[in-house]
Amino acid sequence: MSDDKQLRVSIGLDSAPPLTVRLTASQLDALRGNLANGGWTEVEAEDADVHLNLDKVVFLRVEKDDQKVGFGL
């Protein structure tokens, strides 16, 4: 997978709706690595910087395909 491709990632939190961000593969790998440590971390997404309390994350969902809208798919 090319590292510059943006992946759509939903971050599930225990007391809030999922947060959806676009991350590169290396950013996603870093986030996954930091989950084991817990505490606070900063995620630099495509359109925003997000500060996350990793102790509150309950799931990560990574979209496999680009979303498509319209007819003739």
C-alpha atoms as a PDB file:
ATOM      1  CA  MET A   1       0.000   0.000   0.000  1.00  0.00           C
ATOM      2  CA  SER A   2       1.364   3.401  -0.944  1.00  0.00           C
ATOM      3  CA  ASP A   3       2.045   5.514   2.121  1.00  0.00           C
ATOM      4  CA  ASP A   4       0.751   8.713   0.529  1.00  0.00           C
ATOM      5  CA  LYS A   5      -2.725   7.241  -0.077  1.00  0.00           C
ATOM      6  CA  GLN A   6      -5.249   8.581   2.410  1.00  0.00           C
ATOM      7  CA  LEU A   7      -7.209   5.910   4.280  1.00  0.00           C
ATOM      8  CA  ARG A   8     -10.581   6.642   5.813  1.00  0.00           C
ATOM      9  CA  VAL A   9     -10.380   5.637   9.482  1.00  0.00           C
ATOM     10  CA  SER A  10     -13.239   5.678  11.999  1.00  0.00           C
ATOM     11  CA  ILE A  11     -12.098   5.897  15.609  1.00  0.00           C
ATOM     12  CA  GLY A  12     -14.712   4.544  18.011  1.00  0.00           C
ATOM     13  CA  LEU A  13     -14.819   6.164  21.428  1.00  0.00           C
ATOM     14  CA  ASP A  14     -16.542   4.737  24.493  1.00  0.00           C
ATOM     15  CA  SER A  15     -18.873   7.689  25.126  1.00  0.00           C
ATOM     16  CA  ALA A  16     -19.118   9.560  21.816  1.00  0.00           C
ATOM     17  CA  PRO A  17     -19.964   8.928  18.172  1.00  0.00           C
ATOM     18  CA  PRO A  18     -17.096   7.622  16.010  1.00  0.00           C
ATOM     19  CA  LEU A  19     -14.638  10.192  14.733  1.00  0.00           C
ATOM     20  CA  THR A  20     -13.771   9.770  11.041  1.00  0.00           C
ATOM     21  CA  VAL A  21     -10.397  11.011   9.784  1.00  0.00           C
ATOM     22  CA  ARG A  22      -8.158  10.451   6.752  1.00  0.00           C
ATOM     23  CA  LEU A  23      -4.703   9.073   7.584  1.00  0.00           C
ATOM     24  CA  THR A  24      -1.738   7.707   5.665  1.00  0.00           C
ATOM     25  CA  ALA A  25      -0.643   4.122   6.291  1.00  0.00           C
ATOM     26  CA  SER A  26       2.292   5.281   8.429  1.00  0.00           C
ATOM     27  CA  GLN A  27       0.016   7.527  10.527  1.00  0.00           C
ATOM     28  CA  LEU A  28      -2.370   4.598  11.041  1.00  0.00           C
ATOM     29  CA  ASP A  29       0.520   2.320  12.053  1.00  0.00           C
ATOM     30  CA  ALA A  30       1.730   4.934  14.556  1.00  0.00           C
ATOM     31  CA  LEU A  31      -1.775   5.264  16.021  1.00  0.00           C
ATOM     32  CA  ARG A  32      -2.090   1.491  16.361  1.00  0.00           C
ATOM     33  CA  GLY A  33       1.313   1.332  18.062  1.00  0.00           C
ATOM     34  CA  ASN A  34       0.374   4.077  20.512  1.00  0.00           C
ATOM     35  CA  LEU A  35      -2.890   2.369  21.518  1.00  0.00           C
ATOM     36  CA  ALA A  36      -1.056  -0.130  23.729  1.00  0.00           C
ATOM     37  CA  ASN A  37       0.468   2.696  25.779  1.00  0.00           C
ATOM     38  CA  GLY A  38      -2.781   4.585  26.377  1.00  0.00           C
ATOM     39  CA  GLY A  39      -2.767   8.205  27.487  1.00  0.00           C
ATOM     40  CA  TRP A  40      -3.046  11.190  25.166  1.00  0.00           C
ATOM     41  CA  THR A  41      -1.682  11.427  21.637  1.00  0.00           C
ATOM     42  CA  GLU A  42      -1.946  13.818  18.714  1.00  0.00           C
ATOM     43  CA  VAL A  43      -3.048  12.595  15.291  1.00  0.00           C
ATOM     44  CA  GLU A  44      -2.320  14.845  12.312  1.00  0.00           C
ATOM     45  CA  ALA A  45      -5.178  13.999   9.961  1.00  0.00           C
ATOM     46  CA  GLU A  46      -5.601  15.351   6.442  1.00  0.00           C
ATOM     47  CA  ASP A  47      -7.943  18.131   7.512  1.00  0.00           C
ATOM     48  CA  ALA A  48      -7.359  18.595  11.260  1.00  0.00           C
ATOM     49  CA  ASP A  49      -5.092  17.896  14.203  1.00  0.00           C
ATOM     50  CA  VAL A  50      -6.854  15.658  16.722  1.00  0.00           C
ATOM     51  CA  HIS A  51      -5.864  15.078  20.344  1.00  0.00           C
ATOM     52  CA  LEU A  52      -7.088  11.657  21.495  1.00  0.00           C
ATOM     53  CA  ASN A  53      -7.297   9.991  24.868  1.00  0.00           C
ATOM     54  CA  LEU A  54      -6.281   6.493  23.770  1.00  0.00           C
ATOM     55  CA  ASP A  55      -7.761   4.986  26.946  1.00  0.00           C
ATOM     56  CA  LYS A  56     -11.226   5.842  25.532  1.00  0.00           C
ATOM     57  CA  VAL A  57     -10.719   4.255  22.079  1.00  0.00           C
ATOM     58  CA  VAL A  58     -12.765   1.073  21.666  1.00  0.00           C
ATOM     59  CA  PHE A  59     -12.232   0.362  17.952  1.00  0.00           C
ATOM     60  CA  LEU A  60     -10.530   1.432  14.728  1.00  0.00           C
ATOM     61  CA  ARG A  61     -12.340   0.842  11.437  1.00  0.00           C
ATOM     62  CA  VAL A  62     -10.353   1.236   8.200  1.00  0.00           C
ATOM     63  CA  GLU A  63     -12.269   1.515   4.917  1.00  0.00           C
ATOM     64  CA  LYS A  64     -10.832  -0.834   2.286  1.00  0.00           C
ATOM     65  CA  ASP A  65     -12.271   0.833  -0.821  1.00  0.00           C
ATOM     66  CA  ASP A  66     -13.008   4.359  -1.902  1.00  0.00           C
ATOM     67  CA  GLN A  67     -16.637   5.260  -1.433  1.00  0.00           C
ATOM     68  CA  LYS A  68     -18.582   5.502  -4.654  1.00  0.00           C
ATOM     69  CA  VAL A  69     -21.771   7.451  -5.273  1.00  0.00           C
ATOM     70  CA  GLY A  70     -23.925   7.423  -8.363  1.00  0.00           C
ATOM     71  CA  PHE A  71     -25.289   5.171 -11.052  1.00  0.00           C
ATOM     72  CA  GLY A  72     -23.484   2.593 -13.152  1.00  0.00           C
ATOM     73  CA  LEU A  73     -21.064   1.411 -10.500  1.00  0.00           C
END
